[in-house]
Amino acid sequence: MSQIQKLLFVCSHNLQRSITAERLYQGFNGYEVMSAGTEPEARVRVSEELLQWADIVFVMEQKHIEKLRKKFGRSLKGRRLICLGIPDRYGYMSFELIRVLKERLGVYIEVPK
């Protein structure tokens, strides 16, 4: 990969799914990563600045795309939004969550071993 890709992972509270994806890709060659949540009480809230920073925005569920479109409509123009379809039933860094993330992300980007 010749250019660094900036990945933003989004879920509801930024406590389990998106932060696990961020940790999975931290330090992985060819990527810069961040994560955020859509809810007001999220650990890190998604912002216009984060959306503008990202080359690809991966959301865990369709409801996250809908929330982003409602709040940041114009800022999403030209952004690549991908829904991974991962429900909120996994714990932070759980083996099963990591397996599902690698399986779903592998369709779009290189996956860490």
N, C-alpha and C. Protein backbone atom coordinates (compact mmCIF):
# COMPACT_ATOMS: atom_id res chain seq x y z
N MET A 1 0.86 -1.17 0.00
CA MET A 1 0.00 0.00 0.00
C MET A 1 0.90 1.23 0.00
N SER A 2 0.70 2.12 -0.95
CA SER A 2 1.60 3.25 -1.10
C SER A 2 1.21 4.45 -0.24
N GLN A 3 -0.06 4.59 0.07
CA GLN A 3 -0.50 5.74 0.84
C GLN A 3 -1.23 5.27 2.10
N ILE A 4 -1.04 5.98 3.18
CA ILE A 4 -1.71 5.67 4.44
C ILE A 4 -3.21 5.93 4.28
N GLN A 5 -4.02 4.96 4.70
CA GLN A 5 -5.48 5.15 4.71
C GLN A 5 -5.91 5.46 6.13
N LYS A 6 -6.78 6.44 6.26
CA LYS A 6 -7.30 6.86 7.56
C LYS A 6 -8.67 6.21 7.76
N LEU A 7 -8.76 5.37 8.80
CA LEU A 7 -9.98 4.63 9.09
C LEU A 7 -10.63 5.16 10.36
N LEU A 8 -11.93 5.40 10.29
CA LEU A 8 -12.70 5.78 11.47
C LEU A 8 -13.73 4.68 11.72
N PHE A 9 -13.72 4.13 12.93
CA PHE A 9 -14.66 3.10 13.33
C PHE A 9 -15.69 3.73 14.27
N VAL A 10 -16.98 3.48 13.98
CA VAL A 10 -18.04 4.12 14.73
C VAL A 10 -19.04 3.08 15.26
N CYS A 11 -19.37 3.20 16.55
CA CYS A 11 -20.47 2.43 17.14
C CYS A 11 -21.26 3.41 18.01
N SER A 12 -22.01 2.90 18.96
CA SER A 12 -22.86 3.78 19.78
C SER A 12 -22.10 4.51 20.88
N HIS A 13 -21.38 3.76 21.72
CA HIS A 13 -20.76 4.34 22.90
C HIS A 13 -19.23 4.37 22.87
N ASN A 14 -18.63 3.79 21.84
CA ASN A 14 -17.18 3.76 21.71
C ASN A 14 -16.53 3.08 22.92
N LEU A 15 -17.15 1.99 23.36
CA LEU A 15 -16.62 1.26 24.50
C LEU A 15 -16.26 -0.19 24.17
N GLN A 16 -16.84 -0.74 23.11
CA GLN A 16 -16.59 -2.15 22.83
C GLN A 16 -16.23 -2.38 21.36
N ARG A 17 -17.18 -2.22 20.46
CA ARG A 17 -16.93 -2.58 19.06
C ARG A 17 -15.94 -1.66 18.36
N SER A 18 -16.22 -0.37 18.33
CA SER A 18 -15.35 0.53 17.57
C SER A 18 -13.96 0.66 18.20
N ILE A 19 -13.90 0.67 19.51
CA ILE A 19 -12.58 0.78 20.17
C ILE A 19 -11.79 -0.51 19.96
N THR A 20 -12.46 -1.66 19.89
CA THR A 20 -11.76 -2.91 19.59
C THR A 20 -11.19 -2.86 18.18
N ALA A 21 -11.97 -2.37 17.23
CA ALA A 21 -11.48 -2.24 15.85
C ALA A 21 -10.29 -1.29 15.79
N GLU A 22 -10.36 -0.18 16.53
CA GLU A 22 -9.24 0.76 16.57
C GLU A 22 -7.99 0.08 17.11
N ARG A 23 -8.13 -0.63 18.21
CA ARG A 23 -6.98 -1.32 18.82
C ARG A 23 -6.41 -2.39 17.87
N LEU A 24 -7.29 -3.07 17.17
CA LEU A 24 -6.88 -4.10 16.22
C LEU A 24 -5.96 -3.53 15.13
N TYR A 25 -6.26 -2.31 14.70
CA TYR A 25 -5.51 -1.69 13.60
C TYR A 25 -4.42 -0.72 14.06
N GLN A 26 -4.31 -0.43 15.34
CA GLN A 26 -3.26 0.48 15.81
C GLN A 26 -1.89 -0.09 15.48
N GLY A 27 -1.09 0.69 14.82
CA GLY A 27 0.26 0.26 14.48
C GLY A 27 0.34 -0.68 13.29
N PHE A 28 -0.80 -0.98 12.66
CA PHE A 28 -0.81 -1.86 11.49
C PHE A 28 -0.39 -1.04 10.28
N ASN A 29 0.64 -1.50 9.60
CA ASN A 29 1.24 -0.77 8.49
C ASN A 29 0.21 -0.36 7.43
N GLY A 30 0.24 0.92 7.07
CA GLY A 30 -0.60 1.42 5.99
C GLY A 30 -1.89 2.08 6.46
N TYR A 31 -2.12 2.09 7.77
CA TYR A 31 -3.37 2.64 8.29
C TYR A 31 -3.14 3.56 9.48
N GLU A 32 -3.94 4.62 9.54
CA GLU A 32 -4.09 5.43 10.75
C GLU A 32 -5.52 5.19 11.18
N VAL A 33 -5.76 5.03 12.47
CA VAL A 33 -7.09 4.68 12.94
C VAL A 33 -7.55 5.52 14.11
N MET A 34 -8.87 5.73 14.16
CA MET A 34 -9.52 6.38 15.28
C MET A 34 -10.88 5.72 15.43
N SER A 35 -11.50 5.95 16.58
CA SER A 35 -12.85 5.42 16.79
C SER A 35 -13.67 6.44 17.56
N ALA A 36 -15.01 6.31 17.44
CA ALA A 36 -15.91 7.24 18.09
C ALA A 36 -17.28 6.61 18.22
N GLY A 37 -18.13 7.26 18.99
CA GLY A 37 -19.50 6.80 19.18
C GLY A 37 -20.50 7.87 18.79
N THR A 38 -21.72 7.43 18.50
CA THR A 38 -22.77 8.35 18.06
C THR A 38 -23.58 8.93 19.22
N GLU A 39 -23.53 8.31 20.39
CA GLU A 39 -24.35 8.73 21.52
C GLU A 39 -23.69 9.87 22.30
N PRO A 40 -24.52 10.73 22.93
CA PRO A 40 -23.97 11.85 23.70
C PRO A 40 -22.99 11.43 24.79
N GLU A 41 -23.20 10.25 25.39
CA GLU A 41 -22.31 9.80 26.47
C GLU A 41 -21.17 8.91 25.98
N ALA A 42 -20.93 8.89 24.68
CA ALA A 42 -19.85 8.07 24.12
C ALA A 42 -18.50 8.48 24.70
N ARG A 43 -17.60 7.52 24.80
CA ARG A 43 -16.24 7.77 25.31
C ARG A 43 -15.59 8.88 24.48
N VAL A 44 -15.64 8.75 23.16
CA VAL A 44 -15.24 9.80 22.21
C VAL A 44 -16.42 9.97 21.25
N ARG A 45 -16.95 11.17 21.15
CA ARG A 45 -18.10 11.41 20.27
C ARG A 45 -17.64 11.71 18.86
N VAL A 46 -18.37 11.14 17.91
CA VAL A 46 -18.06 11.41 16.51
C VAL A 46 -18.29 12.90 16.25
N SER A 47 -17.42 13.48 15.44
CA SER A 47 -17.50 14.91 15.15
C SER A 47 -17.27 15.15 13.66
N GLU A 48 -17.60 16.34 13.25
CA GLU A 48 -17.37 16.72 11.86
C GLU A 48 -15.88 16.63 11.53
N GLU A 49 -15.05 17.03 12.47
CA GLU A 49 -13.60 16.97 12.28
C GLU A 49 -13.12 15.54 12.04
N LEU A 50 -13.62 14.59 12.83
CA LEU A 50 -13.24 13.18 12.65
C LEU A 50 -13.71 12.66 11.30
N LEU A 51 -14.92 13.02 10.91
CA LEU A 51 -15.45 12.56 9.62
C LEU A 51 -14.64 13.13 8.46
N GLN A 52 -14.21 14.38 8.57
CA GLN A 52 -13.39 14.99 7.52
C GLN A 52 -12.01 14.36 7.47
N TRP A 53 -11.50 13.93 8.60
CA TRP A 53 -10.18 13.30 8.68
C TRP A 53 -10.16 11.94 7.96
N ALA A 54 -11.24 11.19 8.09
CA ALA A 54 -11.27 9.80 7.62
C ALA A 54 -11.39 9.65 6.12
N ASP A 55 -10.67 8.64 5.60
CA ASP A 55 -10.86 8.22 4.20
C ASP A 55 -12.03 7.24 4.10
N ILE A 56 -12.15 6.37 5.10
CA ILE A 56 -13.24 5.40 5.16
C ILE A 56 -13.83 5.42 6.56
N VAL A 57 -15.16 5.45 6.63
CA VAL A 57 -15.86 5.39 7.91
C VAL A 57 -16.58 4.04 7.97
N PHE A 58 -16.18 3.22 8.91
CA PHE A 58 -16.84 1.93 9.14
C PHE A 58 -17.77 2.08 10.33
N VAL A 59 -19.05 1.79 10.11
CA VAL A 59 -20.01 1.81 11.22
C VAL A 59 -20.40 0.37 11.52
N MET A 60 -20.82 0.13 12.75
CA MET A 60 -21.16 -1.22 13.16
C MET A 60 -22.57 -1.63 12.76
N GLU A 61 -23.51 -0.67 12.74
CA GLU A 61 -24.90 -0.97 12.42
C GLU A 61 -25.48 0.12 11.52
N GLN A 62 -26.55 -0.22 10.80
CA GLN A 62 -27.21 0.72 9.91
C GLN A 62 -27.69 1.97 10.67
N LYS A 63 -28.12 1.80 11.92
CA LYS A 63 -28.59 2.96 12.69
C LYS A 63 -27.50 4.01 12.85
N HIS A 64 -26.24 3.59 12.83
CA HIS A 64 -25.14 4.56 12.95
C HIS A 64 -25.03 5.40 11.69
N ILE A 65 -25.23 4.79 10.53
CA ILE A 65 -25.22 5.57 9.27
C ILE A 65 -26.35 6.59 9.30
N GLU A 66 -27.52 6.15 9.74
CA GLU A 66 -28.67 7.05 9.80
C GLU A 66 -28.41 8.22 10.74
N LYS A 67 -27.83 7.96 11.89
CA LYS A 67 -27.51 9.04 12.84
C LYS A 67 -26.48 10.00 12.26
N LEU A 68 -25.47 9.45 11.59
CA LEU A 68 -24.45 10.30 10.99
C LEU A 68 -25.04 11.17 9.89
N ARG A 69 -25.87 10.58 9.05
CA ARG A 69 -26.50 11.35 7.97
C ARG A 69 -27.39 12.45 8.52
N LYS A 70 -28.12 12.15 9.58
CA LYS A 70 -29.02 13.15 10.18
C LYS A 70 -28.24 14.32 10.77
N LYS A 71 -27.16 14.02 11.46
CA LYS A 71 -26.41 15.08 12.15
C LYS A 71 -25.35 15.76 11.28
N PHE A 72 -24.73 14.98 10.37
CA PHE A 72 -23.58 15.51 9.61
C PHE A 72 -23.78 15.41 8.10
N GLY A 73 -24.99 15.50 7.63
CA GLY A 73 -25.31 15.30 6.22
C GLY A 73 -24.30 15.82 5.23
N ARG A 74 -24.03 17.11 5.26
CA ARG A 74 -23.11 17.72 4.29
C ARG A 74 -21.67 17.24 4.47
N SER A 75 -21.27 17.02 5.69
CA SER A 75 -19.90 16.59 5.97
C SER A 75 -19.62 15.20 5.42
N LEU A 76 -20.66 14.44 5.13
CA LEU A 76 -20.48 13.08 4.63
C LEU A 76 -20.33 13.01 3.12
N LYS A 77 -20.55 14.13 2.48
CA LYS A 77 -20.45 14.16 1.02
C LYS A 77 -19.04 13.73 0.60
N GLY A 78 -18.98 12.70 -0.22
CA GLY A 78 -17.69 12.20 -0.68
C GLY A 78 -17.03 11.23 0.27
N ARG A 79 -17.60 11.03 1.45
CA ARG A 79 -17.06 10.07 2.44
C ARG A 79 -17.52 8.68 2.08
N ARG A 80 -16.66 7.73 2.26
CA ARG A 80 -17.01 6.33 2.05
C ARG A 80 -17.50 5.76 3.39
N LEU A 81 -18.80 5.44 3.45
CA LEU A 81 -19.43 4.89 4.65
C LEU A 81 -19.73 3.42 4.41
N ILE A 82 -19.26 2.57 5.30
CA ILE A 82 -19.48 1.13 5.15
C ILE A 82 -20.06 0.58 6.45
N CYS A 83 -21.19 -0.11 6.33
CA CYS A 83 -21.82 -0.74 7.48
C CYS A 83 -21.34 -2.19 7.58
N LEU A 84 -20.78 -2.54 8.73
CA LEU A 84 -20.26 -3.89 8.95
C LEU A 84 -21.31 -4.86 9.47
N GLY A 85 -22.45 -4.36 9.92
CA GLY A 85 -23.52 -5.22 10.41
C GLY A 85 -23.13 -6.03 11.63
N ILE A 86 -22.49 -5.39 12.60
CA ILE A 86 -22.05 -6.08 13.82
C ILE A 86 -22.89 -5.56 14.99
N PRO A 87 -23.77 -6.41 15.53
CA PRO A 87 -24.64 -5.98 16.63
C PRO A 87 -23.88 -5.77 17.94
N ASP A 88 -24.51 -5.05 18.85
CA ASP A 88 -23.90 -4.72 20.13
C ASP A 88 -24.10 -5.87 21.13
N ARG A 89 -23.37 -6.95 20.91
CA ARG A 89 -23.47 -8.09 21.82
C ARG A 89 -22.11 -8.70 22.16
N TYR A 90 -21.06 -7.97 21.86
CA TYR A 90 -19.71 -8.47 22.10
C TYR A 90 -18.99 -7.59 23.11
N GLY A 91 -18.12 -8.18 23.89
CA GLY A 91 -17.31 -7.43 24.84
C GLY A 91 -16.06 -6.86 24.18
N TYR A 92 -15.50 -5.87 24.83
CA TYR A 92 -14.26 -5.24 24.36
C TYR A 92 -13.17 -6.29 24.19
N MET A 93 -12.56 -6.32 23.02
CA MET A 93 -11.45 -7.21 22.67
C MET A 93 -11.78 -8.70 22.82
N SER A 94 -13.05 -9.05 22.77
CA SER A 94 -13.41 -10.47 22.86
C SER A 94 -12.95 -11.20 21.60
N PHE A 95 -12.60 -12.46 21.76
CA PHE A 95 -12.14 -13.27 20.65
C PHE A 95 -13.17 -13.27 19.52
N GLU A 96 -14.45 -13.43 19.88
CA GLU A 96 -15.51 -13.49 18.87
C GLU A 96 -15.65 -12.16 18.13
N LEU A 97 -15.57 -11.04 18.84
CA LEU A 97 -15.65 -9.74 18.18
C LEU A 97 -14.48 -9.55 17.22
N ILE A 98 -13.29 -9.90 17.63
CA ILE A 98 -12.12 -9.77 16.76
C ILE A 98 -12.28 -10.65 15.52
N ARG A 99 -12.79 -11.86 15.69
CA ARG A 99 -13.02 -12.76 14.56
C ARG A 99 -14.01 -12.15 13.57
N VAL A 100 -15.12 -11.62 14.08
CA VAL A 100 -16.14 -11.02 13.22
C VAL A 100 -15.60 -9.76 12.54
N LEU A 101 -14.89 -8.93 13.27
CA LEU A 101 -14.30 -7.73 12.66
C LEU A 101 -13.37 -8.09 11.52
N LYS A 102 -12.48 -9.05 11.73
CA LYS A 102 -11.54 -9.45 10.68
C LYS A 102 -12.28 -9.99 9.46
N GLU A 103 -13.31 -10.78 9.72
CA GLU A 103 -14.09 -11.36 8.61
C GLU A 103 -14.77 -10.27 7.79
N ARG A 104 -15.42 -9.32 8.47
CA ARG A 104 -16.18 -8.27 7.77
C ARG A 104 -15.26 -7.23 7.14
N LEU A 105 -14.20 -6.84 7.86
CA LEU A 105 -13.28 -5.83 7.32
C LEU A 105 -12.44 -6.36 6.17
N GLY A 106 -12.17 -7.66 6.18
CA GLY A 106 -11.35 -8.28 5.14
C GLY A 106 -11.90 -8.12 3.73
N VAL A 107 -13.17 -7.83 3.62
CA VAL A 107 -13.80 -7.58 2.32
C VAL A 107 -13.32 -6.25 1.75
N TYR A 108 -12.95 -5.31 2.63
CA TYR A 108 -12.65 -3.94 2.22
C TYR A 108 -11.19 -3.53 2.35
N ILE A 109 -10.53 -4.04 3.38
CA ILE A 109 -9.15 -3.63 3.66
C ILE A 109 -8.34 -4.82 4.14
N GLU A 110 -7.03 -4.65 4.15
CA GLU A 110 -6.14 -5.69 4.66
C GLU A 110 -6.39 -5.88 6.16
N VAL A 111 -6.28 -7.13 6.61
CA VAL A 111 -6.58 -7.46 8.00
C VAL A 111 -5.32 -7.92 8.72
N PRO A 112 -5.10 -7.41 9.96
CA PRO A 112 -3.95 -7.89 10.73
C PRO A 112 -4.04 -9.39 11.00
N LYS A 113 -2.92 -10.06 11.08
CA LYS A 113 -2.90 -11.52 11.34
C LYS A 113 -3.35 -11.84 12.73
